[in-house]
C-alpha cells in the first residue's frame, strides 16, 4: 500500500507501453508541429485550466528542444509532470501524438 500525506490521493503509477511504432509527422517545422499539436489538444477540452496546462506542456517540450517524434518515442509523461504539468494532461500530451498524426 502506498503511503501518502493526509488529504491527498496516491498517484497512479504510469506504465510504459514498451517500444512504440514510429510515426511519420506532417511536413511542418518541428517546433510548429508541437504548437499545432498543442492547439489540437486544447480543442478537445473546455476548461481553461486544462488549456493552460496543455500550453505548459508545449512550453516545456519546446524549452527542452523536444519534437513530437522524440516525445512519442520516449513515452515519458513523468518528465512533464516533474516540470509542473498536471498528471492527466502530461499523460495525454505524451500518448495522443499518434492519434493527432492519424487525424491529419
PDB file of N, CA and C in Angstrom:
ATOM      1  N   UNK A   1       0.848  -1.181   0.000  1.00  0.00           N
ATOM      2  CA  UNK A   1       0.000   0.000   0.000  1.00  0.00           C
ATOM      3  C   UNK A   1       0.886   1.235   0.000  1.00  0.00           C
ATOM      4  N   UNK A   2       0.521   2.258  -0.798  1.00  0.00           N
ATOM      5  CA  UNK A   2       1.304   3.476  -0.870  1.00  0.00           C
ATOM      6  C   UNK A   2       0.892   4.421   0.243  1.00  0.00           C
ATOM      7  N   UNK A   3       1.897   4.968   0.928  1.00  0.00           N
ATOM      8  CA  UNK A   3       1.619   5.973   1.946  1.00  0.00           C
ATOM      9  C   UNK A   3       1.608   7.333   1.282  1.00  0.00           C
ATOM     10  N   UNK A   4       0.590   8.138   1.609  1.00  0.00           N
ATOM     11  CA  UNK A   4       0.505   9.486   1.056  1.00  0.00           C
ATOM     12  C   UNK A   4       0.210  10.446   2.185  1.00  0.00           C
ATOM     13  N   UNK A   5       0.591  11.716   2.015  1.00  0.00           N
ATOM     14  CA  UNK A   5       0.249  12.693   3.048  1.00  0.00           C
ATOM     15  C   UNK A   5      -1.264  12.757   3.240  1.00  0.00           C
ATOM     16  N   UNK A   6      -1.677  13.091   4.450  1.00  0.00           N
ATOM     17  CA  UNK A   6      -3.104  13.170   4.755  1.00  0.00           C
ATOM     18  C   UNK A   6      -3.797  14.126   3.791  1.00  0.00           C
ATOM     19  N   UNK A   7      -4.958  13.719   3.310  1.00  0.00           N
ATOM     20  CA  UNK A   7      -5.741  14.569   2.436  1.00  0.00           C
ATOM     21  C   UNK A   7      -5.359  14.519   0.974  1.00  0.00           C
ATOM     22  N   UNK A   8      -4.384  13.672   0.598  1.00  0.00           N
ATOM     23  CA  UNK A   8      -4.012  13.576  -0.812  1.00  0.00           C
ATOM     24  C   UNK A   8      -4.290  12.174  -1.312  1.00  0.00           C
ATOM     25  N   UNK A   9      -4.519  12.072  -2.582  1.00  0.00           N
ATOM     26  CA  UNK A   9      -4.747  10.766  -3.192  1.00  0.00           C
ATOM     27  C   UNK A   9      -3.432  10.214  -3.705  1.00  0.00           C
ATOM     28  N   UNK A  10      -3.218   8.911  -3.642  1.00  0.00           N
ATOM     29  CA  UNK A  10      -1.987   8.347  -4.186  1.00  0.00           C
ATOM     30  C   UNK A  10      -1.967   8.522  -5.704  1.00  0.00           C
ATOM     31  N   UNK A  11      -0.785   8.797  -6.253  1.00  0.00           N
ATOM     32  CA  UNK A  11      -0.644   8.943  -7.692  1.00  0.00           C
ATOM     33  C   UNK A  11      -0.586   7.565  -8.315  1.00  0.00           C
ATOM     34  N   UNK A  12      -1.364   7.361  -9.351  1.00  0.00           N
ATOM     35  CA  UNK A  12      -1.340   6.092 -10.049  1.00  0.00           C
ATOM     36  C   UNK A  12      -0.028   5.958 -10.799  1.00  0.00           C
ATOM     37  N   UNK A  13       0.610   4.799 -10.737  1.00  0.00           N
ATOM     38  CA  UNK A  13       1.869   4.640 -11.464  1.00  0.00           C
ATOM     39  C   UNK A  13       1.617   4.657 -12.960  1.00  0.00           C
ATOM     40  N   UNK A  14       2.546   5.244 -13.687  1.00  0.00           N
ATOM     41  CA  UNK A  14       2.455   5.247 -15.141  1.00  0.00           C
ATOM     42  C   UNK A  14       3.156   4.000 -15.655  1.00  0.00           C
ATOM     43  N   UNK A  15       2.467   3.243 -16.460  1.00  0.00           N
ATOM     44  CA  UNK A  15       3.053   2.041 -17.029  1.00  0.00           C
ATOM     45  C   UNK A  15       3.429   2.314 -18.473  1.00  0.00           C
ATOM     46  N   UNK A  16       4.707   2.276 -18.770  1.00  0.00           N
ATOM     47  CA  UNK A  16       5.168   2.499 -20.131  1.00  0.00           C
ATOM     48  C   UNK A  16       4.747   1.326 -20.998  1.00  0.00           C
ATOM     49  N   UNK A  17       4.230   1.609 -22.207  1.00  0.00           N
ATOM     50  CA  UNK A  17       3.740   0.528 -23.049  1.00  0.00           C
ATOM     51  C   UNK A  17       4.845  -0.282 -23.718  1.00  0.00           C
ATOM     52  N   UNK A  18       6.092   0.042 -23.486  1.00  0.00           N
ATOM     53  CA  UNK A  18       7.195  -0.643 -24.156  1.00  0.00           C
ATOM     54  C   UNK A  18       7.504   0.050 -25.466  1.00  0.00           C
ATOM     55  N   UNK A  19       8.205  -0.623 -26.370  1.00  0.00           N
ATOM     56  CA  UNK A  19       8.575   0.022 -27.637  1.00  0.00           C
ATOM     57  C   UNK A  19       7.332   0.491 -28.401  1.00  0.00           C
ATOM     58  N   UNK A  20       7.449   1.666 -28.999  1.00  0.00           N
ATOM     59  CA  UNK A  20       6.327   2.205 -29.768  1.00  0.00           C
ATOM     60  C   UNK A  20       6.685   2.217 -31.244  1.00  0.00           C
ATOM     61  N   UNK A  21       5.666   2.087 -32.077  1.00  0.00           N
ATOM     62  CA  UNK A  21       5.880   2.147 -33.516  1.00  0.00           C
ATOM     63  C   UNK A  21       6.211   3.584 -33.897  1.00  0.00           C
ATOM     64  N   UNK A  22       7.148   3.767 -34.820  1.00  0.00           N
ATOM     65  CA  UNK A  22       7.482   5.126 -35.249  1.00  0.00           C
ATOM     66  C   UNK A  22       6.292   5.787 -35.940  1.00  0.00           C
ATOM     67  N   UNK A  23       6.282   7.100 -35.918  1.00  0.00           N
ATOM     68  CA  UNK A  23       5.236   7.856 -36.583  1.00  0.00           C
ATOM     69  C   UNK A  23       5.865   8.713 -37.672  1.00  0.00           C
ATOM     70  N   UNK A  24       5.062   9.070 -38.652  1.00  0.00           N
ATOM     71  CA  UNK A  24       5.508   9.988 -39.702  1.00  0.00           C
ATOM     72  C   UNK A  24       4.789  11.298 -39.456  1.00  0.00           C
ATOM     73  N   UNK A  25       5.556  12.304 -39.093  1.00  0.00           N
ATOM     74  CA  UNK A  25       4.984  13.603 -38.764  1.00  0.00           C
ATOM     75  C   UNK A  25       4.658  14.390 -40.019  1.00  0.00           C
ATOM     76  N   UNK A  26       3.714  15.329 -39.903  1.00  0.00           N
ATOM     77  CA  UNK A  26       3.399  16.172 -41.059  1.00  0.00           C
ATOM     78  C   UNK A  26       4.604  17.002 -41.463  1.00  0.00           C
ATOM     79  N   UNK A  27       4.575  17.467 -42.695  1.00  0.00           N
ATOM     80  CA  UNK A  27       5.681  18.252 -43.237  1.00  0.00           C
ATOM     81  C   UNK A  27       5.616  19.679 -42.693  1.00  0.00           C
ATOM     82  N   UNK A  28       5.963  19.812 -41.410  1.00  0.00           N
ATOM     83  CA  UNK A  28       5.990  21.098 -40.726  1.00  0.00           C
ATOM     84  C   UNK A  28       7.330  21.237 -40.021  1.00  0.00           C
ATOM     85  N   UNK A  29       7.799  22.466 -39.792  1.00  0.00           N
ATOM     86  CA  UNK A  29       8.963  22.614 -38.910  1.00  0.00           C
ATOM     87  C   UNK A  29       8.656  21.945 -37.563  1.00  0.00           C
ATOM     88  N   UNK A  30       9.642  21.354 -36.947  1.00  0.00           N
ATOM     89  CA  UNK A  30       9.434  20.563 -35.736  1.00  0.00           C
ATOM     90  C   UNK A  30       8.759  21.353 -34.612  1.00  0.00           C
ATOM     91  N   UNK A  31       9.176  22.600 -34.417  1.00  0.00           N
ATOM     92  CA  UNK A  31       8.580  23.398 -33.348  1.00  0.00           C
ATOM     93  C   UNK A  31       7.137  23.785 -33.669  1.00  0.00           C
ATOM     94  N   UNK A  32       6.846  24.021 -34.932  1.00  0.00           N
ATOM     95  CA  UNK A  32       5.474  24.348 -35.334  1.00  0.00           C
ATOM     96  C   UNK A  32       4.571  23.134 -35.133  1.00  0.00           C
ATOM     97  N   UNK A  33       5.075  21.944 -35.407  1.00  0.00           N
ATOM     98  CA  UNK A  33       4.279  20.723 -35.195  1.00  0.00           C
ATOM     99  C   UNK A  33       3.892  20.593 -33.723  1.00  0.00           C
ATOM    100  N   UNK A  34       4.815  20.912 -32.815  1.00  0.00           N
ATOM    101  CA  UNK A  34       4.497  20.855 -31.382  1.00  0.00           C
ATOM    102  C   UNK A  34       3.385  21.854 -31.061  1.00  0.00           C
ATOM    103  N   UNK A  35       3.479  23.047 -31.613  1.00  0.00           N
ATOM    104  CA  UNK A  35       2.453  24.074 -31.365  1.00  0.00           C
ATOM    105  C   UNK A  35       1.103  23.683 -31.960  1.00  0.00           C
ATOM    106  N   UNK A  36       1.099  23.116 -33.165  1.00  0.00           N
ATOM    107  CA  UNK A  36      -0.151  22.667 -33.789  1.00  0.00           C
ATOM    108  C   UNK A  36      -0.784  21.540 -32.968  1.00  0.00           C
ATOM    109  N   UNK A  37       0.051  20.648 -32.472  1.00  0.00           N
ATOM    110  CA  UNK A  37      -0.436  19.551 -31.623  1.00  0.00           C
ATOM    111  C   UNK A  37      -1.064  20.118 -30.353  1.00  0.00           C
ATOM    112  N   UNK A  38      -0.435  21.126 -29.788  1.00  0.00           N
ATOM    113  CA  UNK A  38      -0.971  21.784 -28.594  1.00  0.00           C
ATOM    114  C   UNK A  38      -2.355  22.365 -28.888  1.00  0.00           C
ATOM    115  N   UNK A  39      -2.520  23.026 -30.018  1.00  0.00           N
ATOM    116  CA  UNK A  39      -3.826  23.596 -30.395  1.00  0.00           C
ATOM    117  C   UNK A  39      -4.874  22.494 -30.512  1.00  0.00           C
ATOM    118  N   UNK A  40      -4.483  21.367 -31.091  1.00  0.00           N
ATOM    119  CA  UNK A  40      -5.412  20.241 -31.219  1.00  0.00           C
ATOM    120  C   UNK A  40      -5.825  19.726 -29.841  1.00  0.00           C
ATOM    121  N   UNK A  41      -4.839  19.569 -28.953  1.00  0.00           N
ATOM    122  CA  UNK A  41      -5.150  19.108 -27.595  1.00  0.00           C
ATOM    123  C   UNK A  41      -6.104  20.082 -26.909  1.00  0.00           C
ATOM    124  N   UNK A  42      -5.855  21.373 -27.062  1.00  0.00           N
ATOM    125  CA  UNK A  42      -6.706  22.378 -26.425  1.00  0.00           C
ATOM    126  C   UNK A  42      -8.116  22.356 -26.998  1.00  0.00           C
ATOM    127  N   UNK A  43      -8.259  22.014 -28.275  1.00  0.00           N
ATOM    128  CA  UNK A  43      -9.590  21.966 -28.884  1.00  0.00           C
ATOM    129  C   UNK A  43     -10.439  20.832 -28.314  1.00  0.00           C
ATOM    130  N   UNK A  44      -9.822  19.935 -27.597  1.00  0.00           N
ATOM    131  CA  UNK A  44     -10.517  18.766 -27.064  1.00  0.00           C
ATOM    132  C   UNK A  44     -10.974  18.943 -25.626  1.00  0.00           C
ATOM    133  N   UNK A  45     -10.656  20.107 -25.030  1.00  0.00           N
ATOM    134  CA  UNK A  45     -11.086  20.382 -23.656  1.00  0.00           C
ATOM    135  C   UNK A  45     -11.787  21.737 -23.609  1.00  0.00           C
ATOM    136  N   UNK A  46     -12.601  21.938 -22.600  1.00  0.00           N
ATOM    137  CA  UNK A  46     -13.319  23.194 -22.435  1.00  0.00           C
ATOM    138  C   UNK A  46     -12.744  24.025 -21.292  1.00  0.00           C
ATOM    139  N   UNK A  47     -12.192  23.377 -20.318  1.00  0.00           N
ATOM    140  CA  UNK A  47     -11.697  24.019 -19.095  1.00  0.00           C
ATOM    141  C   UNK A  47     -10.432  24.839 -19.376  1.00  0.00           C
ATOM    142  N   UNK A  48     -10.456  26.114 -19.000  1.00  0.00           N
ATOM    143  CA  UNK A  48      -9.291  26.979 -19.228  1.00  0.00           C
ATOM    144  C   UNK A  48      -8.062  26.513 -18.456  1.00  0.00           C
ATOM    145  N   UNK A  49      -8.269  25.926 -17.288  1.00  0.00           N
ATOM    146  CA  UNK A  49      -7.138  25.418 -16.508  1.00  0.00           C
ATOM    147  C   UNK A  49      -6.420  24.300 -17.265  1.00  0.00           C
ATOM    148  N   UNK A  50      -7.191  23.412 -17.884  1.00  0.00           N
ATOM    149  CA  UNK A  50      -6.589  22.341 -18.673  1.00  0.00           C
ATOM    150  C   UNK A  50      -5.905  22.897 -19.909  1.00  0.00           C
ATOM    151  N   UNK A  51      -6.523  23.870 -20.556  1.00  0.00           N
ATOM    152  CA  UNK A  51      -5.894  24.503 -21.720  1.00  0.00           C
ATOM    153  C   UNK A  51      -4.558  25.124 -21.329  1.00  0.00           C
ATOM    154  N   UNK A  52      -4.533  25.781 -20.165  1.00  0.00           N
ATOM    155  CA  UNK A  52      -3.287  26.389 -19.690  1.00  0.00           C
ATOM    156  C   UNK A  52      -2.215  25.331 -19.435  1.00  0.00           C
ATOM    157  N   UNK A  53      -2.636  24.197 -18.900  1.00  0.00           N
ATOM    158  CA  UNK A  53      -1.663  23.140 -18.626  1.00  0.00           C
ATOM    159  C   UNK A  53      -1.153  22.511 -19.919  1.00  0.00           C
ATOM    160  N   UNK A  54      -1.984  22.429 -20.925  1.00  0.00           N
ATOM    161  CA  UNK A  54      -1.533  21.936 -22.232  1.00  0.00           C
ATOM    162  C   UNK A  54      -0.498  22.901 -22.805  1.00  0.00           C
ATOM    163  N   UNK A  55      -0.738  24.200 -22.648  1.00  0.00           N
ATOM    164  CA  UNK A  55       0.249  25.194 -23.077  1.00  0.00           C
ATOM    165  C   UNK A  55       1.551  25.013 -22.302  1.00  0.00           C
ATOM    166  N   UNK A  56       1.439  24.719 -21.015  1.00  0.00           N
ATOM    167  CA  UNK A  56       2.634  24.485 -20.209  1.00  0.00           C
ATOM    168  C   UNK A  56       3.411  23.286 -20.740  1.00  0.00           C
ATOM    169  N   UNK A  57       2.704  22.212 -21.104  1.00  0.00           N
ATOM    170  CA  UNK A  57       3.372  21.027 -21.665  1.00  0.00           C
ATOM    171  C   UNK A  57       4.101  21.397 -22.960  1.00  0.00           C
ATOM    172  N   UNK A  58       3.434  22.179 -23.811  1.00  0.00           N
ATOM    173  CA  UNK A  58       4.081  22.639 -25.047  1.00  0.00           C
ATOM    174  C   UNK A  58       5.338  23.434 -24.737  1.00  0.00           C
ATOM    175  N   UNK A  59       5.229  24.354 -23.797  1.00  0.00           N
ATOM    176  CA  UNK A  59       6.373  25.201 -23.453  1.00  0.00           C
ATOM    177  C   UNK A  59       7.541  24.380 -22.896  1.00  0.00           C
ATOM    178  N   UNK A  60       7.223  23.393 -22.061  1.00  0.00           N
ATOM    179  CA  UNK A  60       8.263  22.515 -21.517  1.00  0.00           C
ATOM    180  C   UNK A  60       8.941  21.752 -22.650  1.00  0.00           C
ATOM    181  N   UNK A  61       8.149  21.239 -23.580  1.00  0.00           N
ATOM    182  CA  UNK A  61       8.714  20.493 -24.711  1.00  0.00           C
ATOM    183  C   UNK A  61       9.645  21.390 -25.528  1.00  0.00           C
ATOM    184  N   UNK A  62       9.163  22.570 -25.886  1.00  0.00           N
ATOM    185  CA  UNK A  62       9.975  23.450 -26.723  1.00  0.00           C
ATOM    186  C   UNK A  62      11.194  23.984 -25.986  1.00  0.00           C
ATOM    187  N   UNK A  63      11.038  24.315 -24.715  1.00  0.00           N
ATOM    188  CA  UNK A  63      12.171  24.815 -23.922  1.00  0.00           C
ATOM    189  C   UNK A  63      13.295  23.776 -23.855  1.00  0.00           C
ATOM    190  N   UNK A  64      12.907  22.507 -23.870  1.00  0.00           N
ATOM    191  CA  UNK A  64      13.886  21.430 -23.769  1.00  0.00           C
ATOM    192  C   UNK A  64      14.254  20.835 -25.124  1.00  0.00           C
ATOM    193  N   UNK A  65      13.773  21.451 -26.198  1.00  0.00           N
ATOM    194  CA  UNK A  65      14.153  21.047 -27.547  1.00  0.00           C
ATOM    195  C   UNK A  65      13.520  19.765 -28.045  1.00  0.00           C
ATOM    196  N   UNK A  66      12.409  19.365 -27.430  1.00  0.00           N
ATOM    197  CA  UNK A  66      11.751  18.133 -27.862  1.00  0.00           C
ATOM    198  C   UNK A  66      10.844  18.384 -29.056  1.00  0.00           C
ATOM    199  N   UNK A  67      10.853  17.459 -30.005  1.00  0.00           N
ATOM    200  CA  UNK A  67       9.854  17.458 -31.065  1.00  0.00           C
ATOM    201  C   UNK A  67       8.885  16.317 -30.775  1.00  0.00           C
ATOM    202  N   UNK A  68       7.817  16.244 -31.546  1.00  0.00           N
ATOM    203  CA  UNK A  68       6.782  15.245 -31.270  1.00  0.00           C
ATOM    204  C   UNK A  68       7.280  13.815 -31.415  1.00  0.00           C
ATOM    205  N   UNK A  69       8.171  13.579 -32.361  1.00  0.00           N
ATOM    206  CA  UNK A  69       8.693  12.227 -32.524  1.00  0.00           C
ATOM    207  C   UNK A  69       9.471  11.786 -31.287  1.00  0.00           C
ATOM    208  N   UNK A  70      10.268  12.689 -30.736  1.00  0.00           N
ATOM    209  CA  UNK A  70      11.020  12.350 -29.526  1.00  0.00           C
ATOM    210  C   UNK A  70      10.085  12.088 -28.352  1.00  0.00           C
ATOM    211  N   UNK A  71       9.078  12.931 -28.202  1.00  0.00           N
ATOM    212  CA  UNK A  71       8.110  12.742 -27.108  1.00  0.00           C
ATOM    213  C   UNK A  71       7.389  11.407 -27.276  1.00  0.00           C
ATOM    214  N   UNK A  72       6.988  11.112 -28.507  1.00  0.00           N
ATOM    215  CA  UNK A  72       6.289   9.857 -28.797  1.00  0.00           C
ATOM    216  C   UNK A  72       7.181   8.645 -28.509  1.00  0.00           C
ATOM    217  N   UNK A  73       8.438   8.715 -28.926  1.00  0.00           N
ATOM    218  CA  UNK A  73       9.351   7.592 -28.706  1.00  0.00           C
ATOM    219  C   UNK A  73       9.654   7.389 -27.225  1.00  0.00           C
ATOM    220  N   UNK A  74       9.826   8.486 -26.487  1.00  0.00           N
ATOM    221  CA  UNK A  74      10.179   8.378 -25.064  1.00  0.00           C
ATOM    222  C   UNK A  74       9.018   7.870 -24.211  1.00  0.00           C
ATOM    223  N   UNK A  75       7.778   8.240 -24.559  1.00  0.00           N
ATOM    224  CA  UNK A  75       6.605   7.858 -23.764  1.00  0.00           C
ATOM    225  C   UNK A  75       6.851   8.121 -22.281  1.00  0.00           C
ATOM    226  N   UNK A  76       7.261   9.355 -21.953  1.00  0.00           N
ATOM    227  CA  UNK A  76       7.651   9.701 -20.592  1.00  0.00           C
ATOM    228  C   UNK A  76       6.854  10.888 -20.043  1.00  0.00           C
ATOM    229  N   UNK A  77       5.609  10.669 -19.632  1.00  0.00           N
ATOM    230  CA  UNK A  77       4.854  11.788 -19.062  1.00  0.00           C
ATOM    231  C   UNK A  77       5.463  12.301 -17.768  1.00  0.00           C
ATOM    232  N   UNK A  78       6.240  11.467 -17.077  1.00  0.00           N
ATOM    233  CA  UNK A  78       6.855  11.900 -15.822  1.00  0.00           C
ATOM    234  C   UNK A  78       7.767  13.099 -16.017  1.00  0.00           C
ATOM    235  N   UNK A  79       8.410  13.206 -17.178  1.00  0.00           N
ATOM    236  CA  UNK A  79       9.247  14.367 -17.458  1.00  0.00           C
ATOM    237  C   UNK A  79       8.413  15.645 -17.369  1.00  0.00           C
ATOM    238  N   UNK A  80       7.239  15.628 -17.972  1.00  0.00           N
ATOM    239  CA  UNK A  80       6.369  16.797 -17.960  1.00  0.00           C
ATOM    240  C   UNK A  80       5.795  17.039 -16.569  1.00  0.00           C
ATOM    241  N   UNK A  81       5.456  15.966 -15.870  1.00  0.00           N
ATOM    242  CA  UNK A  81       4.937  16.080 -14.508  1.00  0.00           C
ATOM    243  C   UNK A  81       5.979  16.744 -13.611  1.00  0.00           C
ATOM    244  N   UNK A  82       7.228  16.343 -13.752  1.00  0.00           N
ATOM    245  CA  UNK A  82       8.304  16.934 -12.951  1.00  0.00           C
ATOM    246  C   UNK A  82       8.495  18.420 -13.253  1.00  0.00           C
ATOM    247  N   UNK A  83       8.010  18.865 -14.403  1.00  0.00           N
ATOM    248  CA  UNK A  83       8.106  20.275 -14.776  1.00  0.00           C
ATOM    249  C   UNK A  83       6.788  21.020 -14.533  1.00  0.00           C
ATOM    250  N   UNK A  84       5.911  20.444 -13.713  1.00  0.00           N
ATOM    251  CA  UNK A  84       4.720  21.145 -13.256  1.00  0.00           C
ATOM    252  C   UNK A  84       3.454  20.932 -14.056  1.00  0.00           C
ATOM    253  N   UNK A  85       3.462  20.014 -15.008  1.00  0.00           N
ATOM    254  CA  UNK A  85       2.256  19.730 -15.791  1.00  0.00           C
ATOM    255  C   UNK A  85       1.409  18.720 -15.017  1.00  0.00           C
ATOM    256  N   UNK A  86       0.111  18.963 -14.982  1.00  0.00           N
ATOM    257  CA  UNK A  86      -0.791  18.039 -14.285  1.00  0.00           C
ATOM    258  C   UNK A  86      -0.665  16.630 -14.864  1.00  0.00           C
ATOM    259  N   UNK A  87      -0.831  15.643 -14.008  1.00  0.00           N
ATOM    260  CA  UNK A  87      -0.613  14.244 -14.372  1.00  0.00           C
ATOM    261  C   UNK A  87      -1.440  13.837 -15.597  1.00  0.00           C
ATOM    262  N   UNK A  88      -2.730  14.073 -15.573  1.00  0.00           N
ATOM    263  CA  UNK A  88      -3.585  13.657 -16.682  1.00  0.00           C
ATOM    264  C   UNK A  88      -3.233  14.351 -17.987  1.00  0.00           C
ATOM    265  N   UNK A  89      -2.940  15.640 -17.898  1.00  0.00           N
ATOM    266  CA  UNK A  89      -2.555  16.387 -19.100  1.00  0.00           C
ATOM    267  C   UNK A  89      -1.244  15.843 -19.644  1.00  0.00           C
ATOM    268  N   UNK A  90      -0.288  15.582 -18.777  1.00  0.00           N
ATOM    269  CA  UNK A  90       1.012  15.057 -19.219  1.00  0.00           C
ATOM    270  C   UNK A  90       0.847  13.700 -19.897  1.00  0.00           C
ATOM    271  N   UNK A  91       0.052  12.844 -19.302  1.00  0.00           N
ATOM    272  CA  UNK A  91      -0.158  11.520 -19.902  1.00  0.00           C
ATOM    273  C   UNK A  91      -0.804  11.630 -21.281  1.00  0.00           C
ATOM    274  N   UNK A  92      -1.820  12.463 -21.397  1.00  0.00           N
ATOM    275  CA  UNK A  92      -2.496  12.614 -22.677  1.00  0.00           C
ATOM    276  C   UNK A  92      -1.594  13.300 -23.697  1.00  0.00           C
ATOM    277  N   UNK A  93      -0.814  14.289 -23.268  1.00  0.00           N
ATOM    278  CA  UNK A  93       0.092  15.005 -24.171  1.00  0.00           C
ATOM    279  C   UNK A  93       1.100  14.038 -24.796  1.00  0.00           C
ATOM    280  N   UNK A  94       1.555  13.077 -24.005  1.00  0.00           N
ATOM    281  CA  UNK A  94       2.520  12.091 -24.491  1.00  0.00           C
ATOM    282  C   UNK A  94       1.836  10.998 -25.318  1.00  0.00           C
ATOM    283  N   UNK A  95       0.673  10.556 -24.889  1.00  0.00           N
ATOM    284  CA  UNK A  95       0.084   9.361 -25.500  1.00  0.00           C
ATOM    285  C   UNK A  95      -0.742   9.616 -26.758  1.00  0.00           C
ATOM    286  N   UNK A  96      -1.167  10.847 -27.019  1.00  0.00           N
ATOM    287  CA  UNK A  96      -2.100  11.117 -28.119  1.00  0.00           C
ATOM    288  C   UNK A  96      -1.453  11.550 -29.424  1.00  0.00           C
ATOM    289  N   UNK A  97      -0.152  11.564 -29.495  1.00  0.00           N
ATOM    290  CA  UNK A  97       0.532  12.064 -30.695  1.00  0.00           C
ATOM    291  C   UNK A  97       0.135  11.256 -31.928  1.00  0.00           C
ATOM    292  N   UNK A  98       0.119   9.949 -31.808  1.00  0.00           N
ATOM    293  CA  UNK A  98      -0.263   9.107 -32.955  1.00  0.00           C
ATOM    294  C   UNK A  98      -1.693   9.436 -33.408  1.00  0.00           C
ATOM    295  N   UNK A  99      -2.608   9.639 -32.472  1.00  0.00           N
ATOM    296  CA  UNK A  99      -3.983   9.992 -32.827  1.00  0.00           C
ATOM    297  C   UNK A  99      -4.016  11.286 -33.635  1.00  0.00           C
ATOM    298  N   UNK A 100      -3.249  12.273 -33.209  1.00  0.00           N
ATOM    299  CA  UNK A 100      -3.204  13.551 -33.923  1.00  0.00           C
ATOM    300  C   UNK A 100      -2.676  13.362 -35.342  1.00  0.00           C
ATOM    301  N   UNK A 101      -1.583  12.608 -35.461  1.00  0.00           N
ATOM    302  CA  UNK A 101      -0.976  12.378 -36.782  1.00  0.00           C
ATOM    303  C   UNK A 101      -1.977  11.670 -37.701  1.00  0.00           C
ATOM    304  N   UNK A 102      -2.679  10.687 -37.179  1.00  0.00           N
ATOM    305  CA  UNK A 102      -3.644   9.919 -37.991  1.00  0.00           C
ATOM    306  C   UNK A 102      -4.838  10.777 -38.411  1.00  0.00           C
ATOM    307  N   UNK A 103      -5.165  11.806 -37.651  1.00  0.00           N
ATOM    308  CA  UNK A 103      -6.294  12.664 -37.991  1.00  0.00           C
ATOM    309  C   UNK A 103      -5.930  13.734 -39.026  1.00  0.00           C
ATOM    310  N   UNK A 104      -4.654  13.945 -39.260  1.00  0.00           N
ATOM    311  CA  UNK A 104      -4.238  14.967 -40.232  1.00  0.00           C
ATOM    312  C   UNK A 104      -4.510  14.533 -41.651  1.00  0.00           C
TER     313      UNK A 104
END
